[in-house]
Amino acid sequence: MGDYSSILLATKQEMDSAKRLSGIVNSMVVIHPLDVVLNSWIAVKLEDGSTDGVLYDTRADAVKHQYHETQCAYLSLRAAPAGMPVEEAHVYLKFHRDAYAAGYVFTDPEKPNGGVDMRMPIANEDVRSQVRRLHAMRRNGYRKAR
């Protein structure tokens, strides 16, 4: 990423969540061998950036093991093999919170892959553009069906 301007407007709770997620991911990539990290998923609680501490082999396994699977985002550690800075954790959580707030549902424990895997755009402009579209869809009353 690179442009973390949204972090300037973050609340204390949002920053605490981002720091928590960053610390968890950074710990996991240090504690576990690289081949394990590259093939693991974690379930991130959107409310506070915490996890259940389990590395899952697949996204579907991570979804199936959550009590409230729709209150989590599912992160492939392949996306963060060297860790995750606080700013990146903030953007990750904000993106997924905004998507859920716009009515997107990414999880389906009955599907082989655990549901739709929404990927964050890599370019900063694309992230901002997609978040704007999600907010516009929410304002217009759009709700994505399961």
Protein backbone atom coordinates (compact mmCIF):
# COMPACT_ATOMS: atom_id res chain seq x y z
CA MET A 1 0.00 0.00 0.00
CA GLY A 2 1.58 3.32 0.83
CA ASP A 3 -1.03 6.02 1.37
CA TYR A 4 -2.41 5.58 4.86
CA SER A 5 -4.19 8.93 5.10
CA SER A 6 -7.36 7.28 6.49
CA ILE A 7 -5.41 6.43 9.63
CA LEU A 8 -5.31 10.14 10.50
CA LEU A 9 -9.09 10.02 11.02
CA ALA A 10 -9.10 6.73 12.92
CA THR A 11 -10.73 6.55 16.33
CA LYS A 12 -8.86 5.21 19.35
CA GLN A 13 -10.84 1.96 19.09
CA GLU A 14 -9.92 1.60 15.40
CA MET A 15 -6.24 2.21 16.18
CA ASP A 16 -6.32 -0.28 19.06
CA SER A 17 -7.86 -2.86 16.73
CA ALA A 18 -5.20 -2.22 14.09
CA LYS A 19 -2.39 -2.48 16.65
CA ARG A 20 -3.85 -5.73 17.97
CA LEU A 21 -4.10 -7.28 14.49
CA SER A 22 -0.63 -6.08 13.55
CA GLY A 23 0.84 -7.57 16.73
CA ILE A 24 -0.91 -10.91 16.17
CA VAL A 25 0.20 -11.22 12.54
CA ASN A 26 3.75 -10.12 13.37
CA SER A 27 3.93 -12.71 16.15
CA MET A 28 2.59 -15.50 13.95
CA VAL A 29 5.10 -14.91 11.17
CA VAL A 30 7.95 -14.99 13.70
CA ILE A 31 6.75 -18.03 15.67
CA HIS A 32 5.77 -20.29 12.76
CA PRO A 33 7.93 -21.60 9.91
CA LEU A 34 7.54 -19.75 6.60
CA ASP A 35 5.95 -22.73 4.81
CA VAL A 36 3.26 -22.87 7.51
CA VAL A 37 2.66 -19.11 7.33
CA LEU A 38 2.37 -19.16 3.54
CA ASN A 39 -0.34 -21.82 3.71
CA SER A 40 -2.41 -20.53 6.63
CA TRP A 41 -5.51 -18.43 7.21
CA ILE A 42 -6.65 -16.58 10.31
CA ALA A 43 -10.10 -15.34 11.28
CA VAL A 44 -9.96 -11.69 12.35
CA LYS A 45 -12.78 -10.27 14.47
CA LEU A 46 -13.79 -6.99 12.87
CA GLU A 47 -14.95 -5.58 16.18
CA ASP A 48 -11.53 -5.50 17.81
CA GLY A 49 -8.91 -6.99 15.46
CA SER A 50 -8.42 -10.07 17.63
CA THR A 51 -8.26 -13.68 16.46
CA ASP A 52 -8.91 -17.05 18.03
CA GLY A 53 -5.17 -17.73 17.78
CA VAL A 54 -5.60 -20.65 15.38
CA LEU A 55 -3.88 -21.03 12.03
CA TYR A 56 -6.28 -22.71 9.61
CA ASP A 57 -5.28 -24.72 6.56
CA THR A 58 -8.08 -23.27 4.45
CA ARG A 59 -10.37 -20.29 4.43
CA ALA A 60 -13.33 -22.66 4.65
CA ASP A 61 -11.94 -24.16 7.88
CA ALA A 62 -11.50 -20.68 9.35
CA VAL A 63 -15.10 -19.79 8.47
CA LYS A 64 -16.53 -23.06 9.84
CA HIS A 65 -14.82 -22.65 13.21
CA GLN A 66 -16.21 -19.19 14.00
CA TYR A 67 -19.25 -18.79 16.21
CA HIS A 68 -20.26 -15.64 14.31
CA GLU A 69 -18.55 -16.12 10.96
CA THR A 70 -20.07 -12.95 9.50
CA GLN A 71 -18.35 -10.82 12.12
CA CYS A 72 -14.89 -11.79 10.91
CA ALA A 73 -12.58 -11.15 7.99
CA TYR A 74 -10.40 -13.99 6.77
CA LEU A 75 -6.76 -13.19 6.15
CA SER A 76 -4.42 -15.41 4.20
CA LEU A 77 -1.04 -15.01 5.84
CA ARG A 78 0.42 -15.44 2.36
CA ALA A 79 -0.48 -11.74 2.01
CA ALA A 80 1.73 -10.84 4.99
CA PRO A 81 4.71 -13.24 5.09
CA ALA A 82 6.94 -10.58 6.67
CA GLY A 83 4.31 -9.23 9.04
CA MET A 84 1.76 -6.45 8.90
CA PRO A 85 2.39 -2.81 9.85
CA VAL A 86 -0.26 -1.09 11.98
CA GLU A 87 -1.23 1.16 9.08
CA GLU A 88 -1.85 -1.82 6.80
CA ALA A 89 -3.87 -3.56 9.53
CA HIS A 90 -6.00 -0.42 9.85
CA VAL A 91 -6.69 -0.32 6.11
CA TYR A 92 -7.47 -4.07 6.07
CA LEU A 93 -9.97 -3.79 8.94
CA LYS A 94 -11.56 -0.61 7.57
CA PHE A 95 -11.99 -2.11 4.12
CA HIS A 96 -13.74 -5.20 5.47
CA ARG A 97 -15.86 -3.26 7.97
CA ASP A 98 -17.01 -0.94 5.18
CA ALA A 99 -17.84 -3.88 2.93
CA TYR A 100 -19.94 -5.56 5.63
CA ALA A 101 -21.62 -2.24 6.44
CA ALA A 102 -22.54 -1.96 2.75
CA GLY A 103 -24.29 -5.30 3.02
CA TYR A 104 -21.74 -7.65 1.53
CA VAL A 105 -21.74 -11.16 2.96
CA PHE A 106 -18.51 -13.03 2.31
CA THR A 107 -19.04 -16.17 4.31
CA ASP A 108 -20.96 -19.34 3.68
CA PRO A 109 -19.87 -22.31 5.80
CA GLU A 110 -21.63 -24.63 3.34
CA LYS A 111 -19.48 -23.60 0.37
CA PRO A 112 -16.22 -25.49 -0.25
CA ASN A 113 -14.16 -22.29 -0.07
CA GLY A 114 -16.16 -20.77 2.82
CA GLY A 115 -17.90 -18.18 0.63
CA VAL A 116 -16.83 -15.26 -1.51
CA ASP A 117 -13.25 -14.13 -1.00
CA MET A 118 -13.21 -10.38 -1.51
CA ARG A 119 -9.72 -9.26 -2.31
CA MET A 120 -8.51 -5.80 -1.46
CA PRO A 121 -7.20 -3.86 -4.45
CA ILE A 122 -3.47 -3.25 -4.29
CA ALA A 123 -3.32 0.32 -5.56
CA ASN A 124 -4.33 2.98 -3.04
CA GLU A 125 -6.57 4.68 -5.55
CA ASP A 126 -8.39 1.40 -6.17
CA VAL A 127 -8.95 0.84 -2.43
CA ARG A 128 -10.41 4.33 -2.04
CA SER A 129 -12.54 3.89 -5.16
CA GLN A 130 -13.91 0.54 -4.02
CA VAL A 131 -14.67 1.86 -0.52
CA ARG A 132 -16.51 4.84 -2.08
CA ARG A 133 -18.57 2.42 -4.20
CA LEU A 134 -19.39 0.32 -1.13
CA HIS A 135 -20.59 3.41 0.75
CA ALA A 136 -22.66 4.56 -2.23
CA MET A 137 -24.27 1.14 -2.45
CA ARG A 138 -25.14 1.29 1.24
CA ARG A 139 -26.67 4.77 0.86
CA ASN A 140 -28.74 3.48 -2.05
CA GLY A 141 -30.06 0.59 0.02
CA TYR A 142 -28.25 -2.20 -1.87
CA ARG A 143 -27.95 -5.48 0.02
CA LYS A 144 -26.01 -8.32 -1.54
CA ALA A 145 -27.82 -11.63 -1.20
CA ARG A 146 -26.08 -14.67 0.23
